[in-house]
């Protein structure tokens, strides 16, 4: 089990400080929100990369439908090189209520799903280098006649974590093509906030049975643990790890202020004894 921490929002200088403190406190990853309009996470993560040595870096998460795929491919490959191969790309449909309509972004769910699929095709294709051509419903790319940038350091590619609506087959089929699952538990009444160990075990069995690739695959669970009660925190996360989860992401989206978030960060990850 690895442990990441989400910076819930604030200026770039504060995010940089949190990123450095994340590594110092023993966490394994530092993640930032990617807003429609606001502090740019990829620029900020470049600064964090220069001030850290070990932690993985990424967003929680990037809505590919409102990004130019070639721009996102450039940003992630550049950061991967700067960081020595520490980038993770977490993607999904995003939350339209965070300003999509205000800036003319696509809000229709089906179209956003199509843009996500085509965008990921282009990103992974460009990471492999030239020549690359693509013809889809929404995007067309023809190979360039100038020298391509260096590919990402990570092989076979930068890991891509994809939001999967469990148990919706179409959504889960997308997940199987990539490197990790960010589960969104769905039922007829809508999404649930918490993922249970039983659900993690079922998702792991689903992935193990259907995924064709033998490359590493992550099951990533987001939530909150009580930093002032290490035994309770370890029990909460340990049960998920035993069921097959590989990452725990500590996310305090509704903290009253950043001082409270920093205090939890400094308490460190809820490591069980087997995590070292």
C-alpha atoms as a PDB file:
ATOM      1  CA  UNK A   1       0.000   0.000   0.000  1.00  0.00           C
ATOM      2  CA  UNK A   2       1.188   3.486  -0.888  1.00  0.00           C
ATOM      3  CA  UNK A   3      -0.148   6.739   0.511  1.00  0.00           C
ATOM      4  CA  UNK A   4      -0.868  10.016  -1.246  1.00  0.00           C
ATOM      5  CA  UNK A   5      -2.012  13.411  -0.035  1.00  0.00           C
ATOM      6  CA  UNK A   6      -4.239  15.878  -1.909  1.00  0.00           C
ATOM      7  CA  UNK A   7      -3.662  19.620  -1.733  1.00  0.00           C
ATOM      8  CA  UNK A   8      -7.271  20.866  -1.748  1.00  0.00           C
ATOM      9  CA  UNK A   9      -6.608  24.373  -3.058  1.00  0.00           C
ATOM     10  CA  UNK A  10      -4.606  27.534  -2.477  1.00  0.00           C
ATOM     11  CA  UNK A  11      -1.917  29.605  -4.127  1.00  0.00           C
ATOM     12  CA  UNK A  12       1.069  28.075  -5.900  1.00  0.00           C
ATOM     13  CA  UNK A  13       3.613  29.004  -3.227  1.00  0.00           C
ATOM     14  CA  UNK A  14       1.509  27.294  -0.558  1.00  0.00           C
ATOM     15  CA  UNK A  15       1.081  24.239  -2.772  1.00  0.00           C
ATOM     16  CA  UNK A  16       4.852  24.049  -3.202  1.00  0.00           C
ATOM     17  CA  UNK A  17       5.329  24.164   0.571  1.00  0.00           C
ATOM     18  CA  UNK A  18       2.749  21.430   1.036  1.00  0.00           C
ATOM     19  CA  UNK A  19       4.459  19.313  -1.606  1.00  0.00           C
ATOM     20  CA  UNK A  20       7.809  19.538   0.161  1.00  0.00           C
ATOM     21  CA  UNK A  21       6.172  18.777   3.509  1.00  0.00           C
ATOM     22  CA  UNK A  22       4.388  15.784   1.974  1.00  0.00           C
ATOM     23  CA  UNK A  23       7.695  14.124   1.211  1.00  0.00           C
ATOM     24  CA  UNK A  24       9.191  15.086   4.582  1.00  0.00           C
ATOM     25  CA  UNK A  25       6.215  13.540   6.434  1.00  0.00           C
ATOM     26  CA  UNK A  26       6.668  10.173   4.716  1.00  0.00           C
ATOM     27  CA  UNK A  27       3.839  10.174   2.180  1.00  0.00           C
ATOM     28  CA  UNK A  28       4.353   8.538  -1.228  1.00  0.00           C
ATOM     29  CA  UNK A  29       2.475  10.954  -3.491  1.00  0.00           C
ATOM     30  CA  UNK A  30       1.347  14.563  -3.780  1.00  0.00           C
ATOM     31  CA  UNK A  31      -1.731  15.415  -5.833  1.00  0.00           C
ATOM     32  CA  UNK A  32      -3.466  18.668  -6.810  1.00  0.00           C
ATOM     33  CA  UNK A  33      -6.921  19.630  -7.987  1.00  0.00           C
ATOM     34  CA  UNK A  34      -7.067  20.779 -11.623  1.00  0.00           C
ATOM     35  CA  UNK A  35      -9.586  23.655 -11.859  1.00  0.00           C
ATOM     36  CA  UNK A  36     -11.126  25.098 -14.999  1.00  0.00           C
ATOM     37  CA  UNK A  37      -9.682  28.458 -14.021  1.00  0.00           C
ATOM     38  CA  UNK A  38      -7.231  28.808 -11.152  1.00  0.00           C
ATOM     39  CA  UNK A  39      -3.793  27.715  -9.994  1.00  0.00           C
ATOM     40  CA  UNK A  40      -2.285  25.528 -12.699  1.00  0.00           C
ATOM     41  CA  UNK A  41      -1.324  22.162 -11.184  1.00  0.00           C
ATOM     42  CA  UNK A  42       1.193  21.134 -13.842  1.00  0.00           C
ATOM     43  CA  UNK A  43       3.222  24.331 -13.511  1.00  0.00           C
ATOM     44  CA  UNK A  44       3.106  23.990  -9.725  1.00  0.00           C
ATOM     45  CA  UNK A  45       4.049  20.305  -9.794  1.00  0.00           C
ATOM     46  CA  UNK A  46       7.121  21.230 -11.836  1.00  0.00           C
ATOM     47  CA  UNK A  47       8.281  23.341  -8.894  1.00  0.00           C
ATOM     48  CA  UNK A  48       7.453  20.523  -6.469  1.00  0.00           C
ATOM     49  CA  UNK A  49       9.466  18.110  -8.630  1.00  0.00           C
ATOM     50  CA  UNK A  50      12.517  20.351  -8.349  1.00  0.00           C
ATOM     51  CA  UNK A  51      12.260  20.409  -4.541  1.00  0.00           C
ATOM     52  CA  UNK A  52      11.581  16.707  -3.926  1.00  0.00           C
ATOM     53  CA  UNK A  53      13.279  13.416  -4.709  1.00  0.00           C
ATOM     54  CA  UNK A  54      10.865  10.572  -4.032  1.00  0.00           C
ATOM     55  CA  UNK A  55       7.137  11.308  -4.041  1.00  0.00           C
ATOM     56  CA  UNK A  56       4.895  10.629  -7.031  1.00  0.00           C
ATOM     57  CA  UNK A  57       3.208  13.683  -8.557  1.00  0.00           C
ATOM     58  CA  UNK A  58      -0.160  14.177 -10.240  1.00  0.00           C
ATOM     59  CA  UNK A  59      -3.664  15.585 -10.195  1.00  0.00           C
ATOM     60  CA  UNK A  60      -6.914  14.505  -8.581  1.00  0.00           C
ATOM     61  CA  UNK A  61      -7.997  14.654 -11.275  1.00  0.00           C
ATOM     62  CA  UNK A  62      -7.669  15.850 -14.887  1.00  0.00           C
ATOM     63  CA  UNK A  63     -10.905  16.056 -16.948  1.00  0.00           C
ATOM     64  CA  UNK A  64      -9.462  15.206 -20.369  1.00  0.00           C
ATOM     65  CA  UNK A  65     -12.563  16.466 -22.211  1.00  0.00           C
ATOM     66  CA  UNK A  66     -11.605  20.075 -21.587  1.00  0.00           C
ATOM     67  CA  UNK A  67      -7.902  19.661 -22.368  1.00  0.00           C
ATOM     68  CA  UNK A  68      -6.100  19.590 -25.704  1.00  0.00           C
ATOM     69  CA  UNK A  69      -4.684  16.063 -25.618  1.00  0.00           C
ATOM     70  CA  UNK A  70      -1.391  17.073 -27.256  1.00  0.00           C
ATOM     71  CA  UNK A  71      -0.903  19.815 -24.673  1.00  0.00           C
ATOM     72  CA  UNK A  72      -1.591  17.407 -21.808  1.00  0.00           C
ATOM     73  CA  UNK A  73       0.773  14.851 -23.384  1.00  0.00           C
ATOM     74  CA  UNK A  74       3.466  17.547 -23.521  1.00  0.00           C
ATOM     75  CA  UNK A  75       2.935  18.648 -19.923  1.00  0.00           C
ATOM     76  CA  UNK A  76       3.001  15.163 -18.451  1.00  0.00           C
ATOM     77  CA  UNK A  77       5.990  13.985 -20.478  1.00  0.00           C
ATOM     78  CA  UNK A  78       7.925  17.129 -19.531  1.00  0.00           C
ATOM     79  CA  UNK A  79       7.128  16.732 -15.845  1.00  0.00           C
ATOM     80  CA  UNK A  80       8.037  13.047 -16.001  1.00  0.00           C
ATOM     81  CA  UNK A  81      11.477  13.993 -17.320  1.00  0.00           C
ATOM     82  CA  UNK A  82      11.967  16.776 -14.759  1.00  0.00           C
ATOM     83  CA  UNK A  83      10.941  14.538 -11.866  1.00  0.00           C
ATOM     84  CA  UNK A  84      12.964  11.502 -12.882  1.00  0.00           C
ATOM     85  CA  UNK A  85       9.887   9.452 -13.774  1.00  0.00           C
ATOM     86  CA  UNK A  86       7.499  10.234 -10.920  1.00  0.00           C
ATOM     87  CA  UNK A  87       4.291  11.306 -12.695  1.00  0.00           C
ATOM     88  CA  UNK A  88       0.865   9.673 -12.453  1.00  0.00           C
ATOM     89  CA  UNK A  89      -1.976  10.872 -14.701  1.00  0.00           C
ATOM     90  CA  UNK A  90      -5.383  10.522 -13.039  1.00  0.00           C
ATOM     91  CA  UNK A  91      -8.293  11.155 -15.401  1.00  0.00           C
ATOM     92  CA  UNK A  92     -12.065  11.167 -15.500  1.00  0.00           C
ATOM     93  CA  UNK A  93     -15.102  12.996 -16.833  1.00  0.00           C
ATOM     94  CA  UNK A  94     -14.778  15.738 -14.230  1.00  0.00           C
ATOM     95  CA  UNK A  95     -17.495  17.647 -12.393  1.00  0.00           C
ATOM     96  CA  UNK A  96     -19.334  20.067 -14.745  1.00  0.00           C
ATOM     97  CA  UNK A  97     -20.615  22.088 -11.793  1.00  0.00           C
ATOM     98  CA  UNK A  98     -17.055  23.349 -11.173  1.00  0.00           C
ATOM     99  CA  UNK A  99     -17.314  25.884 -13.989  1.00  0.00           C
ATOM    100  CA  UNK A 100     -17.513  23.938 -17.244  1.00  0.00           C
ATOM    101  CA  UNK A 101     -20.488  25.881 -18.614  1.00  0.00           C
ATOM    102  CA  UNK A 102     -19.044  29.242 -17.534  1.00  0.00           C
ATOM    103  CA  UNK A 103     -16.157  28.771 -19.944  1.00  0.00           C
ATOM    104  CA  UNK A 104     -18.016  27.029 -22.751  1.00  0.00           C
ATOM    105  CA  UNK A 105     -16.714  23.545 -21.961  1.00  0.00           C
ATOM    106  CA  UNK A 106     -18.701  20.468 -22.930  1.00  0.00           C
ATOM    107  CA  UNK A 107     -21.144  19.385 -20.234  1.00  0.00           C
ATOM    108  CA  UNK A 108     -22.946  16.518 -22.000  1.00  0.00           C
ATOM    109  CA  UNK A 109     -21.837  13.294 -20.325  1.00  0.00           C
ATOM    110  CA  UNK A 110     -21.752  11.138 -23.469  1.00  0.00           C
ATOM    111  CA  UNK A 111     -19.672  13.684 -25.377  1.00  0.00           C
ATOM    112  CA  UNK A 112     -17.269  14.082 -22.471  1.00  0.00           C
ATOM    113  CA  UNK A 113     -16.830  10.299 -22.409  1.00  0.00           C
ATOM    114  CA  UNK A 114     -16.063  10.284 -26.135  1.00  0.00           C
ATOM    115  CA  UNK A 115     -13.537  13.091 -25.693  1.00  0.00           C
ATOM    116  CA  UNK A 116     -11.940  11.229 -22.792  1.00  0.00           C
ATOM    117  CA  UNK A 117     -11.499   8.062 -24.841  1.00  0.00           C
ATOM    118  CA  UNK A 118     -10.123   9.838 -27.892  1.00  0.00           C
ATOM    119  CA  UNK A 119      -7.932  12.074 -25.743  1.00  0.00           C
ATOM    120  CA  UNK A 120      -6.329   9.092 -24.038  1.00  0.00           C
ATOM    121  CA  UNK A 121      -5.736   7.441 -27.420  1.00  0.00           C
ATOM    122  CA  UNK A 122      -3.859  10.540 -28.563  1.00  0.00           C
ATOM    123  CA  UNK A 123      -1.903  11.044 -25.338  1.00  0.00           C
ATOM    124  CA  UNK A 124      -0.642   7.476 -25.221  1.00  0.00           C
ATOM    125  CA  UNK A 125       0.087   7.554 -28.947  1.00  0.00           C
ATOM    126  CA  UNK A 126       2.128  10.759 -28.746  1.00  0.00           C
ATOM    127  CA  UNK A 127       4.083   9.448 -25.764  1.00  0.00           C
ATOM    128  CA  UNK A 128       5.296   6.648 -28.030  1.00  0.00           C
ATOM    129  CA  UNK A 129       6.777   9.153 -30.494  1.00  0.00           C
ATOM    130  CA  UNK A 130       6.502   9.849 -34.202  1.00  0.00           C
ATOM    131  CA  UNK A 131       5.143   8.872 -36.631  1.00  0.00           C
ATOM    132  CA  UNK A 132       1.666   9.201 -35.117  1.00  0.00           C
ATOM    133  CA  UNK A 133      -1.654   9.666 -36.870  1.00  0.00           C
ATOM    134  CA  UNK A 134      -5.162   9.679 -35.461  1.00  0.00           C
ATOM    135  CA  UNK A 135      -8.631  10.080 -36.920  1.00  0.00           C
ATOM    136  CA  UNK A 136     -11.553  10.098 -34.503  1.00  0.00           C
ATOM    137  CA  UNK A 137     -14.986  11.621 -34.188  1.00  0.00           C
ATOM    138  CA  UNK A 138     -13.675  14.701 -32.361  1.00  0.00           C
ATOM    139  CA  UNK A 139      -9.933  14.854 -33.084  1.00  0.00           C
ATOM    140  CA  UNK A 140      -7.665  14.429 -36.071  1.00  0.00           C
ATOM    141  CA  UNK A 141      -3.874  14.331 -35.776  1.00  0.00           C
ATOM    142  CA  UNK A 142      -1.353  13.879 -38.573  1.00  0.00           C
ATOM    143  CA  UNK A 143       2.308  13.197 -37.969  1.00  0.00           C
ATOM    144  CA  UNK A 144       4.588  16.188 -37.703  1.00  0.00           C
ATOM    145  CA  UNK A 145       7.716  16.782 -39.752  1.00  0.00           C
ATOM    146  CA  UNK A 146       9.803  18.170 -36.898  1.00  0.00           C
ATOM    147  CA  UNK A 147      11.675  16.371 -34.161  1.00  0.00           C
ATOM    148  CA  UNK A 148       9.326  15.046 -31.467  1.00  0.00           C
ATOM    149  CA  UNK A 149      10.100  15.718 -27.807  1.00  0.00           C
ATOM    150  CA  UNK A 150      11.686  12.936 -25.760  1.00  0.00           C
ATOM    151  CA  UNK A 151       9.197  10.304 -24.591  1.00  0.00           C
ATOM    152  CA  UNK A 152       8.348   9.983 -20.891  1.00  0.00           C
ATOM    153  CA  UNK A 153      10.967   8.259 -18.768  1.00  0.00           C
ATOM    154  CA  UNK A 154       8.507   5.707 -17.420  1.00  0.00           C
ATOM    155  CA  UNK A 155       7.974   2.550 -19.393  1.00  0.00           C
ATOM    156  CA  UNK A 156       5.778   1.293 -20.902  1.00  0.00           C
ATOM    157  CA  UNK A 157       4.171   4.695 -20.181  1.00  0.00           C
ATOM    158  CA  UNK A 158       3.242   7.140 -17.461  1.00  0.00           C
ATOM    159  CA  UNK A 159       0.667   5.291 -15.328  1.00  0.00           C
ATOM    160  CA  UNK A 160      -2.906   6.359 -16.096  1.00  0.00           C
ATOM    161  CA  UNK A 161      -5.516   6.029 -13.349  1.00  0.00           C
ATOM    162  CA  UNK A 162      -9.097   6.196 -14.620  1.00  0.00           C
ATOM    163  CA  UNK A 163     -12.320   6.861 -12.733  1.00  0.00           C
ATOM    164  CA  UNK A 164     -14.542   3.811 -13.030  1.00  0.00           C
ATOM    165  CA  UNK A 165     -18.242   3.791 -12.162  1.00  0.00           C
ATOM    166  CA  UNK A 166     -18.668   0.483 -10.371  1.00  0.00           C
ATOM    167  CA  UNK A 167     -20.489  -1.627 -11.577  1.00  0.00           C
ATOM    168  CA  UNK A 168     -21.209   0.048 -14.923  1.00  0.00           C
ATOM    169  CA  UNK A 169     -19.707  -2.154 -17.585  1.00  0.00           C
ATOM    170  CA  UNK A 170     -18.876   0.521 -20.157  1.00  0.00           C
ATOM    171  CA  UNK A 171     -17.026   2.633 -17.623  1.00  0.00           C
ATOM    172  CA  UNK A 172     -15.124  -0.358 -16.252  1.00  0.00           C
ATOM    173  CA  UNK A 173     -14.129  -1.478 -19.756  1.00  0.00           C
ATOM    174  CA  UNK A 174     -12.341   1.865 -20.156  1.00  0.00           C
ATOM    175  CA  UNK A 175     -10.511   1.299 -16.874  1.00  0.00           C
ATOM    176  CA  UNK A 176      -9.222  -2.088 -18.018  1.00  0.00           C
ATOM    177  CA  UNK A 177      -7.274  -0.476 -20.860  1.00  0.00           C
ATOM    178  CA  UNK A 178      -5.120   1.521 -18.480  1.00  0.00           C
ATOM    179  CA  UNK A 179      -3.155   1.259 -15.236  1.00  0.00           C
ATOM    180  CA  UNK A 180      -5.390   2.008 -12.297  1.00  0.00           C
ATOM    181  CA  UNK A 181      -8.939   2.345 -11.019  1.00  0.00           C
ATOM    182  CA  UNK A 182     -10.336   5.317  -9.117  1.00  0.00           C
ATOM    183  CA  UNK A 183     -13.640   3.743  -8.052  1.00  0.00           C
ATOM    184  CA  UNK A 184     -16.899   5.638  -8.037  1.00  0.00           C
ATOM    185  CA  UNK A 185     -19.431   3.359  -6.377  1.00  0.00           C
ATOM    186  CA  UNK A 186     -22.789   3.657  -8.103  1.00  0.00           C
ATOM    187  CA  UNK A 187     -26.244   2.262  -7.417  1.00  0.00           C
ATOM    188  CA  UNK A 188     -29.731   3.334  -8.550  1.00  0.00           C
ATOM    189  CA  UNK A 189     -29.719   6.047  -5.887  1.00  0.00           C
ATOM    190  CA  UNK A 190     -26.449   7.586  -7.059  1.00  0.00           C
ATOM    191  CA  UNK A 191     -22.784   7.605  -5.968  1.00  0.00           C
ATOM    192  CA  UNK A 192     -21.541   6.616  -2.524  1.00  0.00           C
ATOM    193  CA  UNK A 193     -18.797   8.422  -0.652  1.00  0.00           C
ATOM    194  CA  UNK A 194     -17.079   5.383   0.870  1.00  0.00           C
ATOM    195  CA  UNK A 195     -15.550   2.296  -0.687  1.00  0.00           C
ATOM    196  CA  UNK A 196     -15.743  -0.854   1.425  1.00  0.00           C
ATOM    197  CA  UNK A 197     -13.180  -3.678   1.557  1.00  0.00           C
ATOM    198  CA  UNK A 198     -15.834  -6.006   0.101  1.00  0.00           C
ATOM    199  CA  UNK A 199     -16.237  -3.715  -2.900  1.00  0.00           C
ATOM    200  CA  UNK A 200     -12.462  -3.484  -3.348  1.00  0.00           C
ATOM    201  CA  UNK A 201     -12.219  -7.281  -3.357  1.00  0.00           C
ATOM    202  CA  UNK A 202     -14.960  -7.505  -5.985  1.00  0.00           C
ATOM    203  CA  UNK A 203     -13.276  -4.883  -8.152  1.00  0.00           C
ATOM    204  CA  UNK A 204      -9.919  -6.629  -7.895  1.00  0.00           C
ATOM    205  CA  UNK A 205     -11.493  -9.926  -8.937  1.00  0.00           C
ATOM    206  CA  UNK A 206     -13.168  -8.182 -11.891  1.00  0.00           C
ATOM    207  CA  UNK A 207      -9.876  -6.629 -13.036  1.00  0.00           C
ATOM    208  CA  UNK A 208      -7.841  -9.795 -12.540  1.00  0.00           C
ATOM    209  CA  UNK A 209     -10.318 -11.803 -14.593  1.00  0.00           C
ATOM    210  CA  UNK A 210     -10.727  -9.383 -17.494  1.00  0.00           C
ATOM    211  CA  UNK A 211      -7.568  -7.287 -17.882  1.00  0.00           C
ATOM    212  CA  UNK A 212      -5.379  -8.490 -20.751  1.00  0.00           C
ATOM    213  CA  UNK A 213      -2.130  -6.723 -19.782  1.00  0.00           C
ATOM    214  CA  UNK A 214       0.185  -8.112 -17.120  1.00  0.00           C
ATOM    215  CA  UNK A 215       1.620  -4.675 -16.260  1.00  0.00           C
ATOM    216  CA  UNK A 216       1.074  -3.357 -12.715  1.00  0.00           C
ATOM    217  CA  UNK A 217      -2.433  -2.157 -11.897  1.00  0.00           C
ATOM    218  CA  UNK A 218      -3.507   0.061  -9.002  1.00  0.00           C
ATOM    219  CA  UNK A 219      -6.783   0.233  -7.106  1.00  0.00           C
ATOM    220  CA  UNK A 220      -6.867   3.703  -5.584  1.00  0.00           C
ATOM    221  CA  UNK A 221      -9.159   4.604  -2.676  1.00  0.00           C
ATOM    222  CA  UNK A 222      -9.704   8.171  -1.522  1.00  0.00           C
ATOM    223  CA  UNK A 223     -10.921   9.228   1.908  1.00  0.00           C
ATOM    224  CA  UNK A 224      -9.980  10.555   5.336  1.00  0.00           C
ATOM    225  CA  UNK A 225      -8.291   8.912   8.271  1.00  0.00           C
ATOM    226  CA  UNK A 226      -7.942  10.202  11.862  1.00  0.00           C
ATOM    227  CA  UNK A 227      -4.337  11.324  12.110  1.00  0.00           C
ATOM    228  CA  UNK A 228      -4.630  11.616  15.873  1.00  0.00           C
ATOM    229  CA  UNK A 229      -5.679   7.951  16.187  1.00  0.00           C
ATOM    230  CA  UNK A 230      -3.040   5.909  14.328  1.00  0.00           C
ATOM    231  CA  UNK A 231      -4.492   2.532  15.302  1.00  0.00           C
ATOM    232  CA  UNK A 232      -7.937   3.403  13.961  1.00  0.00           C
ATOM    233  CA  UNK A 233      -6.427   4.905  10.806  1.00  0.00           C
ATOM    234  CA  UNK A 234      -4.281   1.826  10.202  1.00  0.00           C
ATOM    235  CA  UNK A 235      -7.230  -0.491  10.744  1.00  0.00           C
ATOM    236  CA  UNK A 236      -9.335   1.504   8.261  1.00  0.00           C
ATOM    237  CA  UNK A 237      -6.720   1.431   5.540  1.00  0.00           C
ATOM    238  CA  UNK A 238      -5.352  -2.004   6.373  1.00  0.00           C
ATOM    239  CA  UNK A 239      -8.684  -3.653   5.630  1.00  0.00           C
ATOM    240  CA  UNK A 240      -8.720  -2.009   2.199  1.00  0.00           C
ATOM    241  CA  UNK A 241      -5.146  -3.069   1.510  1.00  0.00           C
ATOM    242  CA  UNK A 242      -5.931  -6.653   2.476  1.00  0.00           C
ATOM    243  CA  UNK A 243      -8.801  -6.610  -0.022  1.00  0.00           C
ATOM    244  CA  UNK A 244      -6.534  -5.443  -2.853  1.00  0.00           C
ATOM    245  CA  UNK A 245      -6.255  -1.649  -2.721  1.00  0.00           C
ATOM    246  CA  UNK A 246      -2.747  -0.434  -3.589  1.00  0.00           C
ATOM    247  CA  UNK A 247      -3.026   3.318  -2.900  1.00  0.00           C
ATOM    248  CA  UNK A 248      -4.756   5.322  -0.193  1.00  0.00           C
ATOM    249  CA  UNK A 249      -5.301   9.009  -1.050  1.00  0.00           C
ATOM    250  CA  UNK A 250      -5.888  11.266   1.955  1.00  0.00           C
ATOM    251  CA  UNK A 251      -8.286  13.972   0.763  1.00  0.00           C
ATOM    252  CA  UNK A 252      -9.612  16.699   3.048  1.00  0.00           C
ATOM    253  CA  UNK A 253     -11.735  18.702   0.655  1.00  0.00           C
ATOM    254  CA  UNK A 254     -13.944  20.327   3.295  1.00  0.00           C
ATOM    255  CA  UNK A 255     -11.361  21.401   5.882  1.00  0.00           C
ATOM    256  CA  UNK A 256     -12.167  24.745   7.553  1.00  0.00           C
ATOM    257  CA  UNK A 257      -8.720  26.089   6.621  1.00  0.00           C
ATOM    258  CA  UNK A 258      -5.347  24.992   5.287  1.00  0.00           C
ATOM    259  CA  UNK A 259      -3.870  24.936   8.790  1.00  0.00           C
ATOM    260  CA  UNK A 260      -6.060  21.919   9.540  1.00  0.00           C
ATOM    261  CA  UNK A 261      -4.953  20.250   6.310  1.00  0.00           C
ATOM    262  CA  UNK A 262      -1.290  20.896   7.094  1.00  0.00           C
ATOM    263  CA  UNK A 263      -1.699  19.484  10.594  1.00  0.00           C
ATOM    264  CA  UNK A 264      -3.072  16.222   9.164  1.00  0.00           C
ATOM    265  CA  UNK A 265      -0.330  16.091   6.533  1.00  0.00           C
ATOM    266  CA  UNK A 266       2.378  16.387   9.217  1.00  0.00           C
ATOM    267  CA  UNK A 267       0.851  13.498  11.181  1.00  0.00           C
ATOM    268  CA  UNK A 268       1.950  11.259   8.317  1.00  0.00           C
ATOM    269  CA  UNK A 269       0.322   8.398   6.430  1.00  0.00           C
ATOM    270  CA  UNK A 270      -1.711   5.667   8.149  1.00  0.00           C
ATOM    271  CA  UNK A 271       0.864   2.974   7.506  1.00  0.00           C
ATOM    272  CA  UNK A 272       0.298  -0.514   8.786  1.00  0.00           C
ATOM    273  CA  UNK A 273       3.281  -2.396  10.140  1.00  0.00           C
ATOM    274  CA  UNK A 274       3.656  -4.403   6.930  1.00  0.00           C
ATOM    275  CA  UNK A 275       4.097  -1.188   4.940  1.00  0.00           C
ATOM    276  CA  UNK A 276       7.449  -0.495   6.539  1.00  0.00           C
END
